[in-house]
Amino acid sequence: SFTHLSFLLTGLHTKAQCTKCHVNGVYAGTPRLCYGCHAANYAAALVPNHVSLGYPTGCEICHTPAGWKPYSFVHPASIMTGAHTSVK
């Protein structure tokens, strides 16, 4: 057994095969940020289209290790002004 220290395996990551992240048994340089492994998911997201809308690449802003859904997105308060502050 091995305990991940720099990247805790939680949610769906607990079910991933080691070789999914550690291709050909290479451990050095394995991405520690979501986007490092999920860039293709980001590029393929169409509803909403993450690329054309300029969404940040920090998946954890909206998603959790439990899966892509459910998700939550909260605009930074600094960009919501006037009547936009009360719109659902």
PDB file of N, CA and C in Angstrom:
ATOM      1  N   SER A   1       0.842  -1.184   0.000  1.00  0.00           N
ATOM      2  CA  SER A   1       0.000   0.000   0.000  1.00  0.00           C
ATOM      3  C   SER A   1       0.880   1.239   0.000  1.00  0.00           C
ATOM      4  N   PHE A   2       0.299   2.327  -0.464  1.00  0.00           N
ATOM      5  CA  PHE A   2       1.031   3.578  -0.544  1.00  0.00           C
ATOM      6  C   PHE A   2       0.086   4.700  -0.172  1.00  0.00           C
ATOM      7  N   THR A   3       0.542   5.631   0.615  1.00  0.00           N
ATOM      8  CA  THR A   3      -0.265   6.791   0.995  1.00  0.00           C
ATOM      9  C   THR A   3       0.238   8.000   0.239  1.00  0.00           C
ATOM     10  N   HIS A   4      -0.639   8.582  -0.536  1.00  0.00           N
ATOM     11  CA  HIS A   4      -0.299   9.810  -1.252  1.00  0.00           C
ATOM     12  C   HIS A   4      -0.193  10.933  -0.238  1.00  0.00           C
ATOM     13  N   LEU A   5       0.865  11.668  -0.277  1.00  0.00           N
ATOM     14  CA  LEU A   5       1.030  12.787   0.640  1.00  0.00           C
ATOM     15  C   LEU A   5       0.851  14.122  -0.066  1.00  0.00           C
ATOM     16  N   SER A   6       1.333  14.230  -1.290  1.00  0.00           N
ATOM     17  CA  SER A   6       1.274  15.511  -1.995  1.00  0.00           C
ATOM     18  C   SER A   6      -0.031  15.681  -2.775  1.00  0.00           C
ATOM     19  N   PHE A   7      -0.755  14.603  -2.998  1.00  0.00           N
ATOM     20  CA  PHE A   7      -2.040  14.664  -3.695  1.00  0.00           C
ATOM     21  C   PHE A   7      -2.928  13.601  -3.076  1.00  0.00           C
ATOM     22  N   LEU A   8      -3.805  14.015  -2.174  1.00  0.00           N
ATOM     23  CA  LEU A   8      -4.672  13.061  -1.498  1.00  0.00           C
ATOM     24  C   LEU A   8      -5.687  12.488  -2.472  1.00  0.00           C
ATOM     25  N   LEU A   9      -5.832  11.185  -2.462  1.00  0.00           N
ATOM     26  CA  LEU A   9      -6.791  10.531  -3.337  1.00  0.00           C
ATOM     27  C   LEU A   9      -8.136  10.464  -2.629  1.00  0.00           C
ATOM     28  N   THR A  10      -9.078  11.269  -3.126  1.00  0.00           N
ATOM     29  CA  THR A  10     -10.423  11.296  -2.576  1.00  0.00           C
ATOM     30  C   THR A  10     -11.426  11.210  -3.714  1.00  0.00           C
ATOM     31  N   GLY A  11     -12.675  10.934  -3.376  1.00  0.00           N
ATOM     32  CA  GLY A  11     -13.728  10.871  -4.377  1.00  0.00           C
ATOM     33  C   GLY A  11     -13.416   9.859  -5.465  1.00  0.00           C
ATOM     34  N   LEU A  12     -13.649  10.227  -6.719  1.00  0.00           N
ATOM     35  CA  LEU A  12     -13.418   9.313  -7.842  1.00  0.00           C
ATOM     36  C   LEU A  12     -11.942   8.982  -8.048  1.00  0.00           C
ATOM     37  N   HIS A  13     -11.051   9.814  -7.502  1.00  0.00           N
ATOM     38  CA  HIS A  13      -9.623   9.518  -7.638  1.00  0.00           C
ATOM     39  C   HIS A  13      -9.235   8.234  -6.922  1.00  0.00           C
ATOM     40  N   THR A  14     -10.022   7.812  -5.929  1.00  0.00           N
ATOM     41  CA  THR A  14      -9.709   6.564  -5.214  1.00  0.00           C
ATOM     42  C   THR A  14      -9.921   5.348  -6.107  1.00  0.00           C
ATOM     43  N   LYS A  15     -10.703   5.487  -7.164  1.00  0.00           N
ATOM     44  CA  LYS A  15     -10.998   4.379  -8.070  1.00  0.00           C
ATOM     45  C   LYS A  15     -10.100   4.360  -9.306  1.00  0.00           C
ATOM     46  N   ALA A  16      -9.300   5.389  -9.481  1.00  0.00           N
ATOM     47  CA  ALA A  16      -8.441   5.483 -10.672  1.00  0.00           C
ATOM     48  C   ALA A  16      -7.287   4.486 -10.574  1.00  0.00           C
ATOM     49  N   GLN A  17      -6.947   3.907 -11.696  1.00  0.00           N
ATOM     50  CA  GLN A  17      -5.788   3.025 -11.763  1.00  0.00           C
ATOM     51  C   GLN A  17      -4.524   3.868 -11.665  1.00  0.00           C
ATOM     52  N   CYS A  18      -3.529   3.371 -10.960  1.00  0.00           N
ATOM     53  CA  CYS A  18      -2.267   4.109 -10.785  1.00  0.00           C
ATOM     54  C   CYS A  18      -1.670   4.512 -12.134  1.00  0.00           C
ATOM     55  N   THR A  19      -1.776   3.619 -13.130  1.00  0.00           N
ATOM     56  CA  THR A  19      -1.169   3.866 -14.433  1.00  0.00           C
ATOM     57  C   THR A  19      -1.871   4.986 -15.201  1.00  0.00           C
ATOM     58  N   LYS A  20      -3.057   5.384 -14.771  1.00  0.00           N
ATOM     59  CA  LYS A  20      -3.759   6.489 -15.423  1.00  0.00           C
ATOM     60  C   LYS A  20      -2.977   7.791 -15.233  1.00  0.00           C
ATOM     61  N   CYS A  21      -2.367   7.944 -14.070  1.00  0.00           N
ATOM     62  CA  CYS A  21      -1.577   9.145 -13.778  1.00  0.00           C
ATOM     63  C   CYS A  21      -0.082   8.904 -13.925  1.00  0.00           C
ATOM     64  N   HIS A  22       0.335   7.710 -13.594  1.00  0.00           N
ATOM     65  CA  HIS A  22       1.760   7.364 -13.611  1.00  0.00           C
ATOM     66  C   HIS A  22       2.042   6.471 -14.825  1.00  0.00           C
ATOM     67  N   VAL A  23       1.992   7.056 -15.999  1.00  0.00           N
ATOM     68  CA  VAL A  23       2.171   6.343 -17.264  1.00  0.00           C
ATOM     69  C   VAL A  23       3.576   5.749 -17.333  1.00  0.00           C
ATOM     70  N   ASN A  24       3.655   4.501 -17.720  1.00  0.00           N
ATOM     71  CA  ASN A  24       4.923   3.765 -17.840  1.00  0.00           C
ATOM     72  C   ASN A  24       5.724   3.749 -16.534  1.00  0.00           C
ATOM     73  N   GLY A  25       5.011   3.811 -15.411  1.00  0.00           N
ATOM     74  CA  GLY A  25       5.672   3.749 -14.118  1.00  0.00           C
ATOM     75  C   GLY A  25       6.478   4.986 -13.767  1.00  0.00           C
ATOM     76  N   VAL A  26       6.231   6.094 -14.450  1.00  0.00           N
ATOM     77  CA  VAL A  26       6.956   7.331 -14.169  1.00  0.00           C
ATOM     78  C   VAL A  26       6.193   8.116 -13.106  1.00  0.00           C
ATOM     79  N   TYR A  27       6.868   8.416 -12.018  1.00  0.00           N
ATOM     80  CA  TYR A  27       6.236   9.133 -10.911  1.00  0.00           C
ATOM     81  C   TYR A  27       6.668  10.589 -10.844  1.00  0.00           C
ATOM     82  N   ALA A  28       7.898  10.871 -11.176  1.00  0.00           N
ATOM     83  CA  ALA A  28       8.403  12.245 -11.141  1.00  0.00           C
ATOM     84  C   ALA A  28       7.676  13.080 -12.192  1.00  0.00           C
ATOM     85  N   GLY A  29       7.253  14.262 -11.800  1.00  0.00           N
ATOM     86  CA  GLY A  29       6.606  15.168 -12.746  1.00  0.00           C
ATOM     87  C   GLY A  29       5.120  14.933 -12.931  1.00  0.00           C
ATOM     88  N   THR A  30       4.534  14.012 -12.175  1.00  0.00           N
ATOM     89  CA  THR A  30       3.099  13.779 -12.284  1.00  0.00           C
ATOM     90  C   THR A  30       2.369  15.048 -11.848  1.00  0.00           C
ATOM     91  N   PRO A  31       1.404  15.521 -12.647  1.00  0.00           N
ATOM     92  CA  PRO A  31       0.698  16.762 -12.305  1.00  0.00           C
ATOM     93  C   PRO A  31       0.040  16.690 -10.931  1.00  0.00           C
ATOM     94  N   ARG A  32       0.055  17.799 -10.235  1.00  0.00           N
ATOM     95  CA  ARG A  32      -0.593  17.880  -8.925  1.00  0.00           C
ATOM     96  C   ARG A  32      -1.804  18.797  -8.964  1.00  0.00           C
ATOM     97  N   LEU A  33      -1.984  19.490 -10.079  1.00  0.00           N
ATOM     98  CA  LEU A  33      -3.148  20.355 -10.238  1.00  0.00           C
ATOM     99  C   LEU A  33      -4.147  19.673 -11.155  1.00  0.00           C
ATOM    100  N   CYS A  34      -5.422  19.893 -10.921  1.00  0.00           N
ATOM    101  CA  CYS A  34      -6.486  19.241 -11.692  1.00  0.00           C
ATOM    102  C   CYS A  34      -6.274  19.357 -13.203  1.00  0.00           C
ATOM    103  N   TYR A  35      -6.010  20.564 -13.661  1.00  0.00           N
ATOM    104  CA  TYR A  35      -5.903  20.821 -15.096  1.00  0.00           C
ATOM    105  C   TYR A  35      -4.796  19.994 -15.738  1.00  0.00           C
ATOM    106  N   GLY A  36      -3.773  19.651 -14.983  1.00  0.00           N
ATOM    107  CA  GLY A  36      -2.676  18.858 -15.517  1.00  0.00           C
ATOM    108  C   GLY A  36      -3.136  17.523 -16.072  1.00  0.00           C
ATOM    109  N   CYS A  37      -4.176  16.958 -15.487  1.00  0.00           N
ATOM    110  CA  CYS A  37      -4.731  15.686 -15.962  1.00  0.00           C
ATOM    111  C   CYS A  37      -6.043  15.867 -16.718  1.00  0.00           C
ATOM    112  N   HIS A  38      -6.731  16.953 -16.444  1.00  0.00           N
ATOM    113  CA  HIS A  38      -8.075  17.128 -16.994  1.00  0.00           C
ATOM    114  C   HIS A  38      -8.181  18.221 -18.050  1.00  0.00           C
ATOM    115  N   ALA A  39      -7.088  18.560 -18.714  1.00  0.00           N
ATOM    116  CA  ALA A  39      -7.118  19.589 -19.762  1.00  0.00           C
ATOM    117  C   ALA A  39      -8.067  19.195 -20.892  1.00  0.00           C
ATOM    118  N   ALA A  40      -8.096  17.920 -21.241  1.00  0.00           N
ATOM    119  CA  ALA A  40      -8.981  17.464 -22.318  1.00  0.00           C
ATOM    120  C   ALA A  40     -10.445  17.605 -21.914  1.00  0.00           C
ATOM    121  N   ASN A  41     -10.769  17.347 -20.646  1.00  0.00           N
ATOM    122  CA  ASN A  41     -12.143  17.526 -20.159  1.00  0.00           C
ATOM    123  C   ASN A  41     -12.546  18.992 -20.235  1.00  0.00           C
ATOM    124  N   TYR A  42     -11.633  19.866 -19.853  1.00  0.00           N
ATOM    125  CA  TYR A  42     -11.877  21.310 -19.907  1.00  0.00           C
ATOM    126  C   TYR A  42     -12.159  21.734 -21.353  1.00  0.00           C
ATOM    127  N   ALA A  43     -11.314  21.291 -22.279  1.00  0.00           N
ATOM    128  CA  ALA A  43     -11.460  21.667 -23.687  1.00  0.00           C
ATOM    129  C   ALA A  43     -12.738  21.106 -24.297  1.00  0.00           C
ATOM    130  N   ALA A  44     -13.188  19.947 -23.815  1.00  0.00           N
ATOM    131  CA  ALA A  44     -14.372  19.292 -24.377  1.00  0.00           C
ATOM    132  C   ALA A  44     -15.682  19.795 -23.766  1.00  0.00           C
ATOM    133  N   ALA A  45     -15.606  20.508 -22.650  1.00  0.00           N
ATOM    134  CA  ALA A  45     -16.823  20.985 -21.990  1.00  0.00           C
ATOM    135  C   ALA A  45     -17.532  21.997 -22.880  1.00  0.00           C
ATOM    136  N   LEU A  46     -18.789  21.702 -23.225  1.00  0.00           N
ATOM    137  CA  LEU A  46     -19.536  22.564 -24.140  1.00  0.00           C
ATOM    138  C   LEU A  46     -20.717  23.269 -23.489  1.00  0.00           C
ATOM    139  N   VAL A  47     -21.208  22.760 -22.366  1.00  0.00           N
ATOM    140  CA  VAL A  47     -22.366  23.370 -21.715  1.00  0.00           C
ATOM    141  C   VAL A  47     -22.023  23.615 -20.256  1.00  0.00           C
ATOM    142  N   PRO A  48     -21.450  24.745 -19.928  1.00  0.00           N
ATOM    143  CA  PRO A  48     -21.055  25.829 -20.818  1.00  0.00           C
ATOM    144  C   PRO A  48     -19.702  25.562 -21.464  1.00  0.00           C
ATOM    145  N   ASN A  49     -19.430  26.246 -22.532  1.00  0.00           N
ATOM    146  CA  ASN A  49     -18.167  26.096 -23.243  1.00  0.00           C
ATOM    147  C   ASN A  49     -17.076  26.816 -22.444  1.00  0.00           C
ATOM    148  N   HIS A  50     -16.263  26.018 -21.746  1.00  0.00           N
ATOM    149  CA  HIS A  50     -15.249  26.574 -20.861  1.00  0.00           C
ATOM    150  C   HIS A  50     -14.206  27.410 -21.607  1.00  0.00           C
ATOM    151  N   VAL A  51     -13.810  26.956 -22.786  1.00  0.00           N
ATOM    152  CA  VAL A  51     -12.756  27.646 -23.538  1.00  0.00           C
ATOM    153  C   VAL A  51     -13.249  28.988 -24.059  1.00  0.00           C
ATOM    154  N   SER A  52     -14.377  28.995 -24.782  1.00  0.00           N
ATOM    155  CA  SER A  52     -14.844  30.240 -25.395  1.00  0.00           C
ATOM    156  C   SER A  52     -15.276  31.276 -24.352  1.00  0.00           C
ATOM    157  N   LEU A  53     -15.711  30.808 -23.193  1.00  0.00           N
ATOM    158  CA  LEU A  53     -16.126  31.731 -22.142  1.00  0.00           C
ATOM    159  C   LEU A  53     -14.968  32.147 -21.241  1.00  0.00           C
ATOM    160  N   GLY A  54     -13.806  31.552 -21.466  1.00  0.00           N
ATOM    161  CA  GLY A  54     -12.632  31.937 -20.699  1.00  0.00           C
ATOM    162  C   GLY A  54     -12.668  31.504 -19.244  1.00  0.00           C
ATOM    163  N   TYR A  55     -13.303  30.379 -18.959  1.00  0.00           N
ATOM    164  CA  TYR A  55     -13.354  29.893 -17.581  1.00  0.00           C
ATOM    165  C   TYR A  55     -11.940  29.646 -17.076  1.00  0.00           C
ATOM    166  N   PRO A  56     -11.719  29.825 -15.787  1.00  0.00           N
ATOM    167  CA  PRO A  56     -10.398  29.531 -15.235  1.00  0.00           C
ATOM    168  C   PRO A  56     -10.129  28.030 -15.312  1.00  0.00           C
ATOM    169  N   THR A  57      -8.875  27.634 -15.319  1.00  0.00           N
ATOM    170  CA  THR A  57      -8.523  26.216 -15.441  1.00  0.00           C
ATOM    171  C   THR A  57      -8.409  25.521 -14.092  1.00  0.00           C
ATOM    172  N   GLY A  58      -8.746  26.192 -13.031  1.00  0.00           N
ATOM    173  CA  GLY A  58      -8.755  25.572 -11.708  1.00  0.00           C
ATOM    174  C   GLY A  58     -10.066  24.825 -11.512  1.00  0.00           C
ATOM    175  N   CYS A  59     -10.109  23.564 -11.893  1.00  0.00           N
ATOM    176  CA  CYS A  59     -11.341  22.767 -11.857  1.00  0.00           C
ATOM    177  C   CYS A  59     -12.034  22.839 -10.497  1.00  0.00           C
ATOM    178  N   GLU A  60     -11.217  22.872  -9.424  1.00  0.00           N
ATOM    179  CA  GLU A  60     -11.760  22.838  -8.068  1.00  0.00           C
ATOM    180  C   GLU A  60     -12.575  24.084  -7.707  1.00  0.00           C
ATOM    181  N   ILE A  61     -12.551  25.094  -8.557  1.00  0.00           N
ATOM    182  CA  ILE A  61     -13.357  26.288  -8.313  1.00  0.00           C
ATOM    183  C   ILE A  61     -14.842  25.922  -8.372  1.00  0.00           C
ATOM    184  N   CYS A  62     -15.199  25.011  -9.287  1.00  0.00           N
ATOM    185  CA  CYS A  62     -16.603  24.623  -9.467  1.00  0.00           C
ATOM    186  C   CYS A  62     -16.873  23.154  -9.151  1.00  0.00           C
ATOM    187  N   HIS A  63     -15.880  22.298  -9.316  1.00  0.00           N
ATOM    188  CA  HIS A  63     -16.063  20.851  -9.195  1.00  0.00           C
ATOM    189  C   HIS A  63     -15.370  20.298  -7.961  1.00  0.00           C
ATOM    190  N   THR A  64     -15.766  19.074  -7.585  1.00  0.00           N
ATOM    191  CA  THR A  64     -15.130  18.383  -6.467  1.00  0.00           C
ATOM    192  C   THR A  64     -14.603  17.044  -6.952  1.00  0.00           C
ATOM    193  N   PRO A  65     -13.774  16.370  -6.160  1.00  0.00           N
ATOM    194  CA  PRO A  65     -13.294  15.038  -6.558  1.00  0.00           C
ATOM    195  C   PRO A  65     -14.407  14.000  -6.666  1.00  0.00           C
ATOM    196  N   ALA A  66     -15.622  14.340  -6.211  1.00  0.00           N
ATOM    197  CA  ALA A  66     -16.749  13.414  -6.316  1.00  0.00           C
ATOM    198  C   ALA A  66     -17.225  13.276  -7.757  1.00  0.00           C
ATOM    199  N   GLY A  67     -16.869  14.225  -8.630  1.00  0.00           N
ATOM    200  CA  GLY A  67     -17.279  14.155 -10.033  1.00  0.00           C
ATOM    201  C   GLY A  67     -17.504  15.534 -10.612  1.00  0.00           C
ATOM    202  N   TRP A  68     -17.766  15.567 -11.912  1.00  0.00           N
ATOM    203  CA  TRP A  68     -18.002  16.846 -12.576  1.00  0.00           C
ATOM    204  C   TRP A  68     -19.333  17.448 -12.146  1.00  0.00           C
ATOM    205  N   LYS A  69     -20.286  16.579 -11.801  1.00  0.00           N
ATOM    206  CA  LYS A  69     -21.599  17.036 -11.336  1.00  0.00           C
ATOM    207  C   LYS A  69     -21.825  16.452  -9.951  1.00  0.00           C
ATOM    208  N   PRO A  70     -22.471  17.125  -9.043  1.00  0.00           N
ATOM    209  CA  PRO A  70     -22.939  18.491  -9.214  1.00  0.00           C
ATOM    210  C   PRO A  70     -21.769  19.464  -9.213  1.00  0.00           C
ATOM    211  N   TYR A  71     -22.021  20.633  -9.700  1.00  0.00           N
ATOM    212  CA  TYR A  71     -20.994  21.660  -9.745  1.00  0.00           C
ATOM    213  C   TYR A  71     -21.581  22.946  -9.189  1.00  0.00           C
ATOM    214  N   SER A  72     -20.720  23.846  -8.839  1.00  0.00           N
ATOM    215  CA  SER A  72     -21.196  25.149  -8.376  1.00  0.00           C
ATOM    216  C   SER A  72     -20.254  26.212  -8.907  1.00  0.00           C
ATOM    217  N   PHE A  73     -20.814  27.314  -9.284  1.00  0.00           N
ATOM    218  CA  PHE A  73     -20.004  28.428  -9.746  1.00  0.00           C
ATOM    219  C   PHE A  73     -20.533  29.683  -9.101  1.00  0.00           C
ATOM    220  N   VAL A  74     -19.673  30.423  -8.483  1.00  0.00           N
ATOM    221  CA  VAL A  74     -20.050  31.681  -7.859  1.00  0.00           C
ATOM    222  C   VAL A  74     -19.155  32.763  -8.433  1.00  0.00           C
ATOM    223  N   HIS A  75     -19.767  33.762  -9.054  1.00  0.00           N
ATOM    224  CA  HIS A  75     -18.992  34.885  -9.574  1.00  0.00           C
ATOM    225  C   HIS A  75     -18.281  35.570  -8.413  1.00  0.00           C
ATOM    226  N   PRO A  76     -17.079  35.999  -8.616  1.00  0.00           N
ATOM    227  CA  PRO A  76     -16.439  36.806  -7.573  1.00  0.00           C
ATOM    228  C   PRO A  76     -17.284  38.045  -7.308  1.00  0.00           C
ATOM    229  N   ALA A  77     -17.509  38.362  -6.059  1.00  0.00           N
ATOM    230  CA  ALA A  77     -18.366  39.497  -5.692  1.00  0.00           C
ATOM    231  C   ALA A  77     -17.901  40.794  -6.340  1.00  0.00           C
ATOM    232  N   SER A  78     -16.619  40.912  -6.604  1.00  0.00           N
ATOM    233  CA  SER A  78     -16.083  42.152  -7.147  1.00  0.00           C
ATOM    234  C   SER A  78     -16.580  42.458  -8.559  1.00  0.00           C
ATOM    235  N   ILE A  79     -17.053  41.459  -9.308  1.00  0.00           N
ATOM    236  CA  ILE A  79     -17.518  41.738 -10.671  1.00  0.00           C
ATOM    237  C   ILE A  79     -19.035  41.836 -10.758  1.00  0.00           C
ATOM    238  N   MET A  80     -19.736  41.524  -9.684  1.00  0.00           N
ATOM    239  CA  MET A  80     -21.190  41.595  -9.677  1.00  0.00           C
ATOM    240  C   MET A  80     -21.610  42.915  -9.044  1.00  0.00           C
ATOM    241  N   THR A  81     -22.231  43.775  -9.848  1.00  0.00           N
ATOM    242  CA  THR A  81     -22.635  45.089  -9.346  1.00  0.00           C
ATOM    243  C   THR A  81     -24.082  45.375  -9.711  1.00  0.00           C
ATOM    244  N   GLY A  82     -24.643  46.367  -9.072  1.00  0.00           N
ATOM    245  CA  GLY A  82     -25.998  46.811  -9.388  1.00  0.00           C
ATOM    246  C   GLY A  82     -27.012  45.698  -9.276  1.00  0.00           C
ATOM    247  N   ALA A  83     -27.953  45.650 -10.252  1.00  0.00           N
ATOM    248  CA  ALA A  83     -29.020  44.664 -10.243  1.00  0.00           C
ATOM    249  C   ALA A  83     -28.499  43.233 -10.369  1.00  0.00           C
ATOM    250  N   HIS A  84     -27.291  43.072 -10.875  1.00  0.00           N
ATOM    251  CA  HIS A  84     -26.719  41.727 -11.038  1.00  0.00           C
ATOM    252  C   HIS A  84     -26.478  41.028  -9.694  1.00  0.00           C
ATOM    253  N   THR A  85     -26.373  41.777  -8.630  1.00  0.00           N
ATOM    254  CA  THR A  85     -26.086  41.155  -7.333  1.00  0.00           C
ATOM    255  C   THR A  85     -27.253  40.316  -6.818  1.00  0.00           C
ATOM    256  N   SER A  86     -28.472  40.549  -7.315  1.00  0.00           N
ATOM    257  CA  SER A  86     -29.637  39.791  -6.811  1.00  0.00           C
ATOM    258  C   SER A  86     -30.177  38.798  -7.830  1.00  0.00           C
ATOM    259  N   VAL A  87     -29.559  38.656  -8.978  1.00  0.00           N
ATOM    260  CA  VAL A  87     -30.033  37.727 -10.003  1.00  0.00           C
ATOM    261  C   VAL A  87     -29.572  36.316  -9.668  1.00  0.00           C
ATOM    262  N   LYS A  88     -30.478  35.355  -9.755  1.00  0.00           N
ATOM    263  CA  LYS A  88     -30.137  33.952  -9.488  1.00  0.00           C
ATOM    264  C   LYS A  88     -29.377  33.382 -10.680  1.00  0.00           C
TER     265      LYS A  88
END
